[in-house]
Amino acid sequence: MVDLDSGAKREIEDIMLTRYTCYLIAQNGDPRKDEIAFAMSYFAVQTRKQELLKQKLKAFCQFINYIIIHL
């Protein structure tokens, strides 16, 4: 059940959203709302984690290549 502005309640179906859809909703939402602010923060943290992982993987591959070349 959801509350409508008129004070009435209406039952709605649950739907499943993709991760990308959730990201778009968060990016276009009102950051003053706690849920939107949380989602924005979540996606910012996850993006940074992915960037760091990519950097570490690149450095690891360069290290392995160096080892292979200098054996």
Protein backbone atom coordinates (compact mmCIF):
# COMPACT_ATOMS: atom_id res chain seq x y z
CA MET A 1 0.00 0.00 0.00
CA VAL A 2 1.15 3.52 -0.75
CA ASP A 3 -0.22 6.75 0.60
CA LEU A 4 -1.45 9.22 -2.00
CA ASP A 5 -1.40 13.00 -1.58
CA SER A 6 -5.16 12.96 -1.13
CA GLY A 7 -4.76 10.81 1.97
CA ALA A 8 -6.12 7.73 0.21
CA LYS A 9 -4.19 4.47 -0.03
CA ARG A 10 -3.66 2.35 -3.10
CA GLU A 11 -2.12 -1.05 -3.58
CA ILE A 12 0.63 -1.26 -6.18
CA GLU A 13 2.59 -4.13 -7.70
CA ASP A 14 6.21 -4.69 -6.82
CA ILE A 15 8.51 -4.25 -9.78
CA MET A 16 12.14 -5.17 -10.29
CA LEU A 17 14.52 -2.50 -11.57
CA THR A 18 17.92 -2.99 -13.15
CA ARG A 19 20.96 -1.55 -11.44
CA TYR A 20 21.31 1.01 -14.22
CA THR A 21 17.68 2.10 -13.82
CA CYS A 22 18.26 2.59 -10.09
CA TYR A 23 21.35 4.65 -10.89
CA LEU A 24 19.38 6.88 -13.29
CA ILE A 25 16.60 7.37 -10.74
CA ALA A 26 19.15 8.29 -8.08
CA GLN A 27 21.01 10.72 -10.34
CA ASN A 28 17.82 12.49 -11.34
CA GLY A 29 16.21 12.48 -7.91
CA ASP A 30 16.01 15.11 -5.21
CA PRO A 31 19.12 14.77 -3.01
CA ARG A 32 17.20 16.31 -0.10
CA LYS A 33 15.29 13.05 0.22
CA ASP A 34 17.15 10.57 2.40
CA GLU A 35 16.64 7.60 0.07
CA ILE A 36 17.93 9.51 -2.95
CA ALA A 37 20.90 10.91 -1.03
CA PHE A 38 21.74 7.39 0.16
CA ALA A 39 21.49 6.00 -3.38
CA MET A 40 23.71 8.78 -4.77
CA SER A 41 26.30 8.04 -2.12
CA TYR A 42 26.07 4.29 -2.75
CA PHE A 43 26.65 4.65 -6.48
CA ALA A 44 29.52 7.11 -5.94
CA VAL A 45 31.24 4.65 -3.58
CA GLN A 46 30.68 1.69 -5.90
CA THR A 47 32.02 3.65 -8.88
CA ARG A 48 35.15 4.58 -6.93
CA LYS A 49 35.67 0.97 -5.82
CA GLN A 50 35.47 -0.15 -9.45
CA GLU A 51 37.97 2.54 -10.51
CA LEU A 52 40.43 1.46 -7.80
CA LEU A 53 40.02 -2.20 -8.71
CA LYS A 54 40.71 -1.40 -12.36
CA GLN A 55 43.86 0.53 -11.39
CA LYS A 56 45.12 -2.30 -9.20
CA LEU A 57 44.43 -4.88 -11.89
CA LYS A 58 46.30 -2.79 -14.45
CA ALA A 59 49.29 -2.43 -12.10
CA PHE A 60 49.24 -6.16 -11.38
CA CYS A 61 49.21 -7.00 -15.11
CA GLN A 62 52.12 -4.62 -15.70
CA PHE A 63 54.03 -6.28 -12.87
CA ILE A 64 53.40 -9.76 -14.31
CA ASN A 65 54.50 -8.59 -17.75
CA TYR A 66 57.67 -7.15 -16.23
CA ILE A 67 58.41 -10.45 -14.46
CA ILE A 68 57.83 -12.45 -17.65
CA ILE A 69 60.07 -10.19 -19.73
CA HIS A 70 62.91 -10.19 -17.20
CA LEU A 71 63.05 -13.90 -16.43
